[in-house]
């Protein structure tokens, strides 16, 4: 008995092969279609839509975080300016990518997103230290696990709040993951029938 899914897959592969030989479907150097590229099938459209959704989520997250940091006066020293500056750099990088649609602009977005990751980790460390210092000054007998519990539950500064920078960095990197502009494979010319 023939598996119906195998029959569909086989007939689809034959159809794709026949159309590619006629020059109707672009073929890559390894003779397979790249479904991540727009225009190369339904999967390309889905991937492009998901990239747009990730970019929208990133934009809304950055906007909310920027407003939150401004309302909390998160600019009292230069360490506190780092997330604000990175958010502005990210907006500039994404707008430049939107205008140029170049691989260099996309690499710029990746660089800023890696800086987001570093800022998120550094921010957690800085918030933890500030909160631990505050709680130690309030009660010098506190130490060990009790101090960690107080620091993690602290609202000023919120110890884990910088993790939003880490989250936005990961969303931005997910947006650029295997982006067609960064692909090393390029379509090659197909054979034309004589």
N, C-alpha and C. Protein backbone atom coordinates (compact mmCIF):
# COMPACT_ATOMS: atom_id res chain seq x y z
N UNK A 1 0.84 -1.18 0.00
CA UNK A 1 0.00 0.00 0.00
C UNK A 1 0.89 1.25 0.00
N UNK A 2 0.56 2.19 -0.85
CA UNK A 2 1.34 3.42 -0.99
C UNK A 2 0.80 4.47 -0.01
N UNK A 3 1.73 5.07 0.72
CA UNK A 3 1.37 6.13 1.66
C UNK A 3 0.92 7.36 0.86
N UNK A 4 -0.31 7.92 1.12
CA UNK A 4 -0.79 9.06 0.34
C UNK A 4 0.10 10.29 0.50
N UNK A 5 0.69 10.50 1.67
CA UNK A 5 1.57 11.66 1.84
C UNK A 5 2.83 11.52 1.00
N UNK A 6 3.34 10.29 0.92
CA UNK A 6 4.54 10.06 0.13
C UNK A 6 4.24 10.29 -1.36
N UNK A 7 3.04 9.88 -1.78
CA UNK A 7 2.64 10.06 -3.17
C UNK A 7 2.56 11.55 -3.51
N UNK A 8 1.98 12.36 -2.59
CA UNK A 8 1.89 13.81 -2.81
C UNK A 8 3.27 14.43 -2.84
N UNK A 9 4.14 14.02 -1.90
CA UNK A 9 5.49 14.57 -1.85
C UNK A 9 6.26 14.22 -3.12
N UNK A 10 6.12 12.99 -3.59
CA UNK A 10 6.82 12.57 -4.80
C UNK A 10 6.31 13.33 -6.02
N UNK A 11 4.99 13.46 -6.16
CA UNK A 11 4.46 14.18 -7.31
C UNK A 11 4.82 15.66 -7.25
N UNK A 12 4.87 16.23 -6.04
CA UNK A 12 5.26 17.64 -5.91
C UNK A 12 6.71 17.82 -6.30
N UNK A 13 7.55 16.89 -5.90
CA UNK A 13 8.97 16.98 -6.24
C UNK A 13 9.16 16.87 -7.76
N UNK A 14 8.42 15.96 -8.40
CA UNK A 14 8.52 15.82 -9.86
C UNK A 14 8.02 17.09 -10.56
N UNK A 15 6.93 17.63 -10.09
CA UNK A 15 6.38 18.85 -10.67
C UNK A 15 7.38 20.00 -10.53
N UNK A 16 7.96 20.12 -9.33
CA UNK A 16 8.95 21.17 -9.10
C UNK A 16 10.15 20.97 -10.01
N UNK A 17 10.60 19.72 -10.15
CA UNK A 17 11.75 19.44 -11.00
C UNK A 17 11.44 19.79 -12.46
N UNK A 18 10.26 19.41 -12.94
CA UNK A 18 9.89 19.70 -14.33
C UNK A 18 9.79 21.20 -14.58
N UNK A 19 9.20 21.95 -13.64
CA UNK A 19 9.08 23.40 -13.83
C UNK A 19 10.44 24.08 -13.74
N UNK A 20 11.34 23.57 -12.89
CA UNK A 20 12.64 24.20 -12.76
C UNK A 20 13.46 24.00 -14.02
N UNK A 21 13.29 22.88 -14.70
CA UNK A 21 14.03 22.63 -15.93
C UNK A 21 13.56 23.55 -17.04
N UNK A 22 12.30 24.01 -16.95
CA UNK A 22 11.77 24.91 -17.96
C UNK A 22 12.09 26.37 -17.64
N UNK A 23 12.78 26.60 -16.52
CA UNK A 23 13.15 27.96 -16.16
C UNK A 23 12.04 28.73 -15.46
N UNK A 24 11.00 28.04 -14.99
CA UNK A 24 9.88 28.72 -14.35
C UNK A 24 10.11 28.97 -12.87
N UNK A 25 10.95 28.16 -12.22
CA UNK A 25 11.22 28.30 -10.80
C UNK A 25 12.72 28.51 -10.63
N UNK A 26 13.14 29.58 -9.92
CA UNK A 26 14.57 29.78 -9.70
C UNK A 26 15.17 28.63 -8.90
N UNK A 27 16.35 28.22 -9.28
CA UNK A 27 17.02 27.11 -8.62
C UNK A 27 18.29 27.64 -7.97
N UNK A 28 18.58 27.14 -6.76
CA UNK A 28 19.81 27.51 -6.08
C UNK A 28 20.92 26.57 -6.50
N UNK A 29 22.13 26.90 -6.08
CA UNK A 29 23.29 26.13 -6.51
C UNK A 29 23.20 24.67 -6.10
N UNK A 30 22.51 24.35 -5.00
CA UNK A 30 22.41 22.95 -4.59
C UNK A 30 21.16 22.29 -5.17
N UNK A 31 20.52 22.92 -6.16
CA UNK A 31 19.36 22.39 -6.86
C UNK A 31 18.14 22.21 -5.96
N UNK A 32 18.02 23.00 -4.91
CA UNK A 32 16.82 22.99 -4.07
C UNK A 32 16.32 24.42 -3.97
N UNK A 33 15.04 24.57 -3.74
CA UNK A 33 14.51 25.92 -3.58
C UNK A 33 14.73 26.39 -2.16
N UNK A 34 14.96 27.68 -1.98
CA UNK A 34 15.15 28.27 -0.66
C UNK A 34 13.82 28.87 -0.24
N UNK A 35 13.12 28.20 0.67
CA UNK A 35 11.79 28.63 1.07
C UNK A 35 11.81 29.84 1.98
N UNK A 36 12.99 30.26 2.48
CA UNK A 36 13.06 31.43 3.33
C UNK A 36 13.06 32.72 2.52
N UNK A 37 13.28 32.63 1.24
CA UNK A 37 13.33 33.84 0.42
C UNK A 37 11.92 34.20 -0.04
N UNK A 38 11.56 35.47 0.07
CA UNK A 38 10.24 35.89 -0.42
C UNK A 38 10.09 35.53 -1.89
N UNK A 39 8.92 35.07 -2.25
CA UNK A 39 8.66 34.72 -3.64
C UNK A 39 9.00 33.28 -3.96
N UNK A 40 9.48 32.51 -2.99
CA UNK A 40 9.86 31.14 -3.25
C UNK A 40 8.86 30.17 -2.64
N UNK A 41 7.61 30.52 -2.59
CA UNK A 41 6.60 29.61 -2.10
C UNK A 41 5.92 30.13 -0.85
N UNK A 42 4.97 29.34 -0.40
CA UNK A 42 4.17 29.72 0.77
C UNK A 42 5.02 29.92 2.01
N UNK A 43 6.01 29.08 2.22
CA UNK A 43 6.85 29.19 3.41
C UNK A 43 7.59 30.52 3.45
N UNK A 44 7.99 31.04 2.30
CA UNK A 44 8.63 32.35 2.25
C UNK A 44 7.71 33.44 2.71
N UNK A 45 6.44 33.35 2.35
CA UNK A 45 5.45 34.34 2.78
C UNK A 45 5.22 34.25 4.29
N UNK A 46 5.16 33.05 4.81
CA UNK A 46 4.96 32.85 6.24
C UNK A 46 6.15 33.42 7.01
N UNK A 47 7.35 33.11 6.56
CA UNK A 47 8.54 33.61 7.22
C UNK A 47 8.59 35.13 7.19
N UNK A 48 8.27 35.72 6.06
CA UNK A 48 8.27 37.18 5.95
C UNK A 48 7.23 37.79 6.89
N UNK A 49 6.06 37.16 7.00
CA UNK A 49 5.03 37.66 7.91
C UNK A 49 5.50 37.56 9.36
N UNK A 50 6.13 36.45 9.72
CA UNK A 50 6.65 36.30 11.08
C UNK A 50 7.73 37.33 11.38
N UNK A 51 8.56 37.63 10.39
CA UNK A 51 9.58 38.67 10.59
C UNK A 51 8.93 40.03 10.87
N UNK A 52 7.87 40.34 10.14
CA UNK A 52 7.17 41.61 10.36
C UNK A 52 6.52 41.64 11.75
N UNK A 53 5.97 40.53 12.18
CA UNK A 53 5.37 40.46 13.52
C UNK A 53 6.44 40.65 14.59
N UNK A 54 7.59 39.99 14.43
CA UNK A 54 8.67 40.16 15.40
C UNK A 54 9.14 41.61 15.44
N UNK A 55 9.22 42.25 14.28
CA UNK A 55 9.65 43.64 14.24
C UNK A 55 8.63 44.55 14.92
N UNK A 56 7.34 44.27 14.75
CA UNK A 56 6.30 45.06 15.42
C UNK A 56 6.37 44.87 16.93
N UNK A 57 6.55 43.63 17.38
CA UNK A 57 6.68 43.37 18.82
C UNK A 57 7.89 44.10 19.37
N UNK A 58 9.00 44.05 18.66
CA UNK A 58 10.22 44.74 19.09
C UNK A 58 9.99 46.25 19.18
N UNK A 59 9.34 46.81 18.18
CA UNK A 59 9.10 48.26 18.17
C UNK A 59 8.22 48.68 19.35
N UNK A 60 7.13 47.95 19.59
CA UNK A 60 6.25 48.29 20.71
C UNK A 60 6.96 48.11 22.06
N UNK A 61 7.77 47.08 22.18
CA UNK A 61 8.53 46.86 23.41
C UNK A 61 9.52 48.00 23.65
N UNK A 62 10.21 48.40 22.58
CA UNK A 62 11.19 49.48 22.72
C UNK A 62 10.50 50.80 23.07
N UNK A 63 9.37 51.07 22.46
CA UNK A 63 8.64 52.30 22.74
C UNK A 63 8.18 52.34 24.20
N UNK A 64 7.60 51.25 24.67
CA UNK A 64 7.14 51.19 26.06
C UNK A 64 8.28 51.29 27.05
N UNK A 65 9.38 50.61 26.77
CA UNK A 65 10.53 50.65 27.67
C UNK A 65 11.14 52.05 27.71
N UNK A 66 11.25 52.69 26.56
CA UNK A 66 11.80 54.05 26.51
C UNK A 66 10.95 55.00 27.33
N UNK A 67 9.63 54.94 27.16
CA UNK A 67 8.73 55.82 27.91
C UNK A 67 8.83 55.52 29.41
N UNK A 68 8.87 54.25 29.76
CA UNK A 68 8.97 53.86 31.17
C UNK A 68 10.25 54.39 31.79
N UNK A 69 11.36 54.26 31.10
CA UNK A 69 12.64 54.75 31.63
C UNK A 69 12.63 56.27 31.79
N UNK A 70 12.02 56.97 30.85
CA UNK A 70 11.93 58.43 30.97
C UNK A 70 11.07 58.84 32.16
N UNK A 71 9.92 58.19 32.33
CA UNK A 71 9.03 58.53 33.44
C UNK A 71 9.65 58.20 34.80
N UNK A 72 10.55 57.22 34.83
CA UNK A 72 11.20 56.85 36.08
C UNK A 72 12.48 57.63 36.32
N UNK A 73 12.76 58.65 35.51
CA UNK A 73 13.99 59.45 35.62
C UNK A 73 15.24 58.58 35.58
N UNK A 74 15.27 57.68 34.63
CA UNK A 74 16.39 56.75 34.49
C UNK A 74 17.51 57.40 33.67
N UNK A 75 17.91 58.58 34.08
CA UNK A 75 18.99 59.31 33.39
C UNK A 75 19.79 60.15 34.38
N UNK A 76 19.87 59.68 35.63
CA UNK A 76 20.55 60.44 36.66
C UNK A 76 22.06 60.31 36.61
N UNK A 77 22.60 59.24 36.06
CA UNK A 77 24.04 59.13 35.83
C UNK A 77 24.27 58.43 34.49
N UNK A 78 25.51 58.36 34.06
CA UNK A 78 25.77 57.87 32.71
C UNK A 78 25.45 56.39 32.55
N UNK A 79 25.53 55.59 33.62
CA UNK A 79 25.15 54.18 33.52
C UNK A 79 23.67 54.04 33.18
N UNK A 80 22.87 54.95 33.71
CA UNK A 80 21.43 54.87 33.46
C UNK A 80 21.07 55.34 32.05
N UNK A 81 21.98 56.03 31.40
CA UNK A 81 21.72 56.48 30.03
C UNK A 81 21.93 55.39 28.99
N UNK A 82 22.63 54.33 29.37
CA UNK A 82 22.96 53.26 28.40
C UNK A 82 21.71 52.66 27.76
N UNK A 83 20.69 52.23 28.52
CA UNK A 83 19.53 51.66 27.84
C UNK A 83 18.79 52.67 26.97
N UNK A 84 18.74 53.92 27.40
CA UNK A 84 18.08 54.95 26.59
C UNK A 84 18.83 55.14 25.26
N UNK A 85 20.15 55.22 25.35
CA UNK A 85 20.96 55.40 24.14
C UNK A 85 20.83 54.19 23.21
N UNK A 86 20.82 52.99 23.78
CA UNK A 86 20.67 51.79 22.95
C UNK A 86 19.31 51.73 22.27
N UNK A 87 18.27 52.16 22.98
CA UNK A 87 16.94 52.18 22.37
C UNK A 87 16.89 53.15 21.19
N UNK A 88 17.52 54.31 21.34
CA UNK A 88 17.57 55.26 20.23
C UNK A 88 18.39 54.68 19.07
N UNK A 89 19.53 54.06 19.38
CA UNK A 89 20.35 53.43 18.33
C UNK A 89 19.57 52.33 17.60
N UNK A 90 18.78 51.57 18.33
CA UNK A 90 18.00 50.50 17.71
C UNK A 90 16.96 51.06 16.76
N UNK A 91 16.29 52.13 17.16
CA UNK A 91 15.30 52.75 16.27
C UNK A 91 15.98 53.26 15.01
N UNK A 92 17.13 53.91 15.16
CA UNK A 92 17.86 54.42 13.99
C UNK A 92 18.29 53.25 13.09
N UNK A 93 18.81 52.18 13.69
CA UNK A 93 19.26 51.02 12.89
C UNK A 93 18.10 50.37 12.15
N UNK A 94 16.96 50.23 12.83
CA UNK A 94 15.80 49.59 12.19
C UNK A 94 15.24 50.49 11.09
N UNK A 95 15.19 51.79 11.33
CA UNK A 95 14.71 52.71 10.28
C UNK A 95 15.66 52.70 9.09
N UNK A 96 16.97 52.64 9.34
CA UNK A 96 17.93 52.58 8.25
C UNK A 96 17.76 51.28 7.45
N UNK A 97 17.53 50.19 8.16
CA UNK A 97 17.25 48.92 7.46
C UNK A 97 15.97 49.04 6.64
N UNK A 98 14.95 49.66 7.20
CA UNK A 98 13.68 49.81 6.49
C UNK A 98 13.81 50.61 5.21
N UNK A 99 14.70 51.58 5.22
CA UNK A 99 14.90 52.44 4.05
C UNK A 99 15.82 51.77 3.03
N UNK A 100 16.92 51.20 3.51
CA UNK A 100 17.94 50.68 2.57
C UNK A 100 17.74 49.23 2.18
N UNK A 101 17.15 48.42 3.07
CA UNK A 101 16.98 46.98 2.84
C UNK A 101 18.30 46.33 2.41
N UNK A 102 19.39 46.73 3.08
CA UNK A 102 20.70 46.19 2.73
C UNK A 102 21.20 45.23 3.81
N UNK A 103 22.13 44.38 3.42
CA UNK A 103 22.72 43.44 4.37
C UNK A 103 23.51 44.18 5.44
N UNK A 104 24.16 45.28 5.06
CA UNK A 104 24.94 46.06 6.03
C UNK A 104 24.03 46.66 7.10
N UNK A 105 22.87 47.14 6.70
CA UNK A 105 21.91 47.70 7.66
C UNK A 105 21.40 46.61 8.59
N UNK A 106 21.18 45.42 8.05
CA UNK A 106 20.72 44.30 8.88
C UNK A 106 21.81 43.87 9.87
N UNK A 107 23.06 43.91 9.44
CA UNK A 107 24.18 43.62 10.35
C UNK A 107 24.23 44.68 11.46
N UNK A 108 23.93 45.92 11.12
CA UNK A 108 23.86 46.97 12.13
C UNK A 108 22.80 46.69 13.17
N UNK A 109 21.65 46.19 12.73
CA UNK A 109 20.58 45.81 13.66
C UNK A 109 21.08 44.69 14.57
N UNK A 110 21.79 43.71 14.00
CA UNK A 110 22.32 42.61 14.80
C UNK A 110 23.30 43.10 15.86
N UNK A 111 24.16 44.03 15.49
CA UNK A 111 25.14 44.57 16.44
C UNK A 111 24.43 45.25 17.60
N UNK A 112 23.42 46.06 17.29
CA UNK A 112 22.68 46.75 18.36
C UNK A 112 21.96 45.73 19.25
N UNK A 113 21.43 44.68 18.67
CA UNK A 113 20.73 43.67 19.47
C UNK A 113 21.69 42.91 20.38
N UNK A 114 22.90 42.65 19.93
CA UNK A 114 23.91 42.02 20.80
C UNK A 114 24.26 42.98 21.95
N UNK A 115 24.33 44.28 21.65
CA UNK A 115 24.56 45.26 22.71
C UNK A 115 23.39 45.28 23.70
N UNK A 116 22.18 45.05 23.21
CA UNK A 116 21.02 44.93 24.10
C UNK A 116 21.23 43.77 25.09
N UNK A 117 21.73 42.64 24.58
CA UNK A 117 21.98 41.48 25.45
C UNK A 117 22.99 41.84 26.53
N UNK A 118 24.08 42.49 26.13
CA UNK A 118 25.12 42.88 27.09
C UNK A 118 24.56 43.88 28.11
N UNK A 119 23.76 44.83 27.63
CA UNK A 119 23.18 45.83 28.53
C UNK A 119 22.20 45.19 29.51
N UNK A 120 21.46 44.20 29.07
CA UNK A 120 20.53 43.50 29.95
C UNK A 120 21.25 42.79 31.08
N UNK A 121 22.32 42.09 30.75
CA UNK A 121 23.10 41.37 31.77
C UNK A 121 23.77 42.36 32.72
N UNK A 122 24.40 43.39 32.16
CA UNK A 122 25.05 44.41 32.99
C UNK A 122 24.03 45.12 33.87
N UNK A 123 22.85 45.38 33.33
CA UNK A 123 21.81 46.06 34.10
C UNK A 123 21.34 45.24 35.30
N UNK A 124 21.21 43.93 35.12
CA UNK A 124 20.81 43.08 36.24
C UNK A 124 21.88 43.12 37.32
N UNK A 125 23.14 43.06 36.93
CA UNK A 125 24.24 43.11 37.90
C UNK A 125 24.23 44.46 38.63
N UNK A 126 24.10 45.55 37.90
CA UNK A 126 24.09 46.88 38.51
C UNK A 126 22.89 47.07 39.45
N UNK A 127 21.72 46.63 39.01
CA UNK A 127 20.53 46.74 39.85
C UNK A 127 20.68 45.88 41.11
N UNK A 128 21.23 44.68 40.93
CA UNK A 128 21.43 43.80 42.08
C UNK A 128 22.37 44.45 43.09
N UNK A 129 23.48 44.98 42.61
CA UNK A 129 24.45 45.62 43.52
C UNK A 129 23.84 46.81 44.25
N UNK A 130 23.11 47.65 43.51
CA UNK A 130 22.51 48.84 44.12
C UNK A 130 21.50 48.44 45.18
N UNK A 131 20.69 47.44 44.88
CA UNK A 131 19.68 46.99 45.83
C UNK A 131 20.33 46.32 47.04
N UNK A 132 21.37 45.52 46.82
CA UNK A 132 22.06 44.86 47.93
C UNK A 132 22.72 45.90 48.83
N UNK A 133 23.31 46.92 48.25
CA UNK A 133 23.92 47.98 49.05
C UNK A 133 22.87 48.70 49.88
N UNK A 134 21.74 49.00 49.27
CA UNK A 134 20.66 49.68 49.99
C UNK A 134 20.17 48.85 51.17
N UNK A 135 19.91 47.56 50.94
CA UNK A 135 19.40 46.71 52.02
C UNK A 135 20.46 46.47 53.09
N UNK A 136 21.72 46.38 52.71
CA UNK A 136 22.79 46.21 53.70
C UNK A 136 22.95 47.46 54.55
N UNK A 137 22.78 48.63 53.95
CA UNK A 137 22.86 49.88 54.71
C UNK A 137 21.69 50.01 55.68
N UNK A 138 20.52 49.52 55.29
CA UNK A 138 19.34 49.58 56.16
C UNK A 138 19.47 48.64 57.35
N UNK A 139 20.03 47.46 57.14
CA UNK A 139 20.20 46.48 58.21
C UNK A 139 21.48 45.71 57.94
N UNK A 140 22.52 46.02 58.70
CA UNK A 140 23.83 45.42 58.46
C UNK A 140 23.90 43.94 58.86
N UNK A 141 22.90 43.44 59.57
CA UNK A 141 22.91 42.03 59.97
C UNK A 141 22.37 41.11 58.88
N UNK A 142 21.76 41.70 57.85
CA UNK A 142 21.20 40.88 56.77
C UNK A 142 22.33 40.38 55.88
N UNK A 143 22.25 39.13 55.52
CA UNK A 143 23.24 38.56 54.61
C UNK A 143 22.74 37.25 54.05
N UNK A 144 23.50 36.68 53.17
CA UNK A 144 23.18 35.37 52.62
C UNK A 144 21.89 35.33 51.83
N UNK A 145 21.16 34.24 52.06
CA UNK A 145 19.94 34.00 51.28
C UNK A 145 18.88 35.07 51.54
N UNK A 146 18.79 35.54 52.78
CA UNK A 146 17.79 36.57 53.11
C UNK A 146 18.05 37.85 52.32
N UNK A 147 19.31 38.23 52.16
CA UNK A 147 19.65 39.41 51.36
C UNK A 147 19.27 39.21 49.90
N UNK A 148 19.52 38.02 49.38
CA UNK A 148 19.17 37.72 47.98
C UNK A 148 17.66 37.80 47.79
N UNK A 149 16.90 37.26 48.76
CA UNK A 149 15.44 37.35 48.67
C UNK A 149 14.97 38.80 48.66
N UNK A 150 15.54 39.63 49.52
CA UNK A 150 15.16 41.03 49.57
C UNK A 150 15.53 41.77 48.28
N UNK A 151 16.71 41.45 47.77
CA UNK A 151 17.18 42.11 46.54
C UNK A 151 16.29 41.73 45.36
N UNK A 152 15.97 40.46 45.22
CA UNK A 152 15.14 40.01 44.09
C UNK A 152 13.72 40.54 44.18
N UNK A 153 13.23 40.77 45.40
CA UNK A 153 11.88 41.31 45.58
C UNK A 153 11.84 42.83 45.63
N UNK A 154 12.98 43.44 45.49
CA UNK A 154 13.07 44.90 45.61
C UNK A 154 12.38 45.59 44.43
N UNK A 155 11.76 46.72 44.74
CA UNK A 155 11.11 47.51 43.70
C UNK A 155 11.93 48.75 43.32
N UNK A 156 12.92 49.08 44.14
CA UNK A 156 13.75 50.25 43.84
C UNK A 156 15.20 49.91 44.13
N UNK A 157 16.02 49.65 43.17
CA UNK A 157 15.69 49.42 41.76
C UNK A 157 15.17 47.99 41.55
N UNK A 158 14.30 47.82 40.58
CA UNK A 158 13.81 46.47 40.30
C UNK A 158 14.93 45.63 39.68
N UNK A 159 15.33 44.61 40.39
CA UNK A 159 16.53 43.85 40.03
C UNK A 159 16.44 43.21 38.65
N UNK A 160 15.30 42.65 38.32
CA UNK A 160 15.19 41.91 37.06
C UNK A 160 14.62 42.75 35.91
N UNK A 161 14.35 44.01 36.14
CA UNK A 161 13.80 44.87 35.07
C UNK A 161 14.71 44.96 33.84
N UNK A 162 16.03 44.98 34.00
CA UNK A 162 16.88 45.04 32.79
C UNK A 162 16.77 43.81 31.89
N UNK A 163 16.11 42.77 32.38
CA UNK A 163 15.92 41.59 31.53
C UNK A 163 15.07 41.92 30.31
N UNK A 164 14.33 43.02 30.35
CA UNK A 164 13.56 43.42 29.16
C UNK A 164 14.51 43.76 28.01
N UNK A 165 15.67 44.31 28.34
CA UNK A 165 16.67 44.58 27.29
C UNK A 165 17.14 43.27 26.66
N UNK A 166 17.33 42.27 27.52
CA UNK A 166 17.73 40.95 27.03
C UNK A 166 16.64 40.37 26.13
N UNK A 167 15.40 40.50 26.56
CA UNK A 167 14.27 39.99 25.78
C UNK A 167 14.18 40.69 24.42
N UNK A 168 14.31 42.01 24.41
CA UNK A 168 14.24 42.75 23.15
C UNK A 168 15.41 42.38 22.23
N UNK A 169 16.58 42.17 22.82
CA UNK A 169 17.73 41.75 22.02
C UNK A 169 17.50 40.41 21.35
N UNK A 170 16.89 39.48 22.09
CA UNK A 170 16.60 38.16 21.52
C UNK A 170 15.53 38.25 20.43
N UNK A 171 14.53 39.10 20.63
CA UNK A 171 13.51 39.28 19.59
C UNK A 171 14.14 39.86 18.33
N UNK A 172 15.01 40.85 18.51
CA UNK A 172 15.70 41.45 17.36
C UNK A 172 16.58 40.46 16.63
N UNK A 173 17.29 39.62 17.38
CA UNK A 173 18.13 38.60 16.74
C UNK A 173 17.29 37.54 16.06
N UNK A 174 16.12 37.23 16.63
CA UNK A 174 15.21 36.29 15.96
C UNK A 174 14.72 36.87 14.64
N UNK A 175 14.49 38.18 14.61
CA UNK A 175 14.09 38.85 13.37
C UNK A 175 15.16 38.69 12.30
N UNK A 176 16.42 38.77 12.67
CA UNK A 176 17.50 38.70 11.68
C UNK A 176 17.96 37.27 11.39
N UNK A 177 17.49 36.30 12.15
CA UNK A 177 17.95 34.91 12.01
C UNK A 177 17.65 34.38 10.61
N UNK A 178 18.68 33.94 9.92
CA UNK A 178 18.59 33.39 8.56
C UNK A 178 17.81 34.29 7.61
N UNK A 179 18.02 35.58 7.79
CA UNK A 179 17.35 36.55 6.91
C UNK A 179 17.88 36.37 5.49
N UNK A 180 17.02 36.47 4.48
CA UNK A 180 17.46 36.28 3.10
C UNK A 180 18.59 37.22 2.68
N UNK A 181 18.64 38.42 3.24
CA UNK A 181 19.71 39.34 2.88
C UNK A 181 21.07 38.87 3.37
N UNK A 182 21.08 38.05 4.40
CA UNK A 182 22.33 37.57 4.96
C UNK A 182 22.72 36.19 4.45
N UNK A 183 21.89 35.63 3.57
CA UNK A 183 22.13 34.30 3.03
C UNK A 183 23.35 34.32 2.11
N UNK A 184 24.14 33.29 2.22
CA UNK A 184 25.33 33.18 1.36
C UNK A 184 24.98 32.55 0.01
N UNK A 185 23.83 31.86 -0.07
CA UNK A 185 23.43 31.23 -1.31
C UNK A 185 22.70 32.24 -2.19
N UNK A 186 22.97 32.21 -3.44
CA UNK A 186 22.31 33.07 -4.41
C UNK A 186 21.74 32.20 -5.52
N UNK A 187 20.61 32.58 -6.10
CA UNK A 187 20.08 31.80 -7.22
C UNK A 187 21.06 31.82 -8.39
N UNK A 188 21.15 30.67 -9.09
CA UNK A 188 21.98 30.60 -10.28
C UNK A 188 21.07 30.49 -11.49
N UNK A 189 21.59 30.79 -12.62
CA UNK A 189 20.81 30.74 -13.85
C UNK A 189 20.40 29.30 -14.12
N UNK A 190 19.20 29.14 -14.63
CA UNK A 190 18.72 27.80 -14.96
C UNK A 190 19.03 27.48 -16.41
N UNK A 191 19.06 26.19 -16.67
CA UNK A 191 19.27 25.76 -18.05
C UNK A 191 18.02 26.06 -18.87
N UNK A 192 18.22 26.54 -20.07
CA UNK A 192 17.09 26.76 -20.97
C UNK A 192 17.03 25.62 -21.96
N UNK A 193 15.82 25.22 -22.27
CA UNK A 193 15.66 24.14 -23.23
C UNK A 193 15.99 24.61 -24.62
N UNK A 194 16.57 23.74 -25.41
CA UNK A 194 16.92 24.08 -26.81
C UNK A 194 15.78 23.81 -27.73
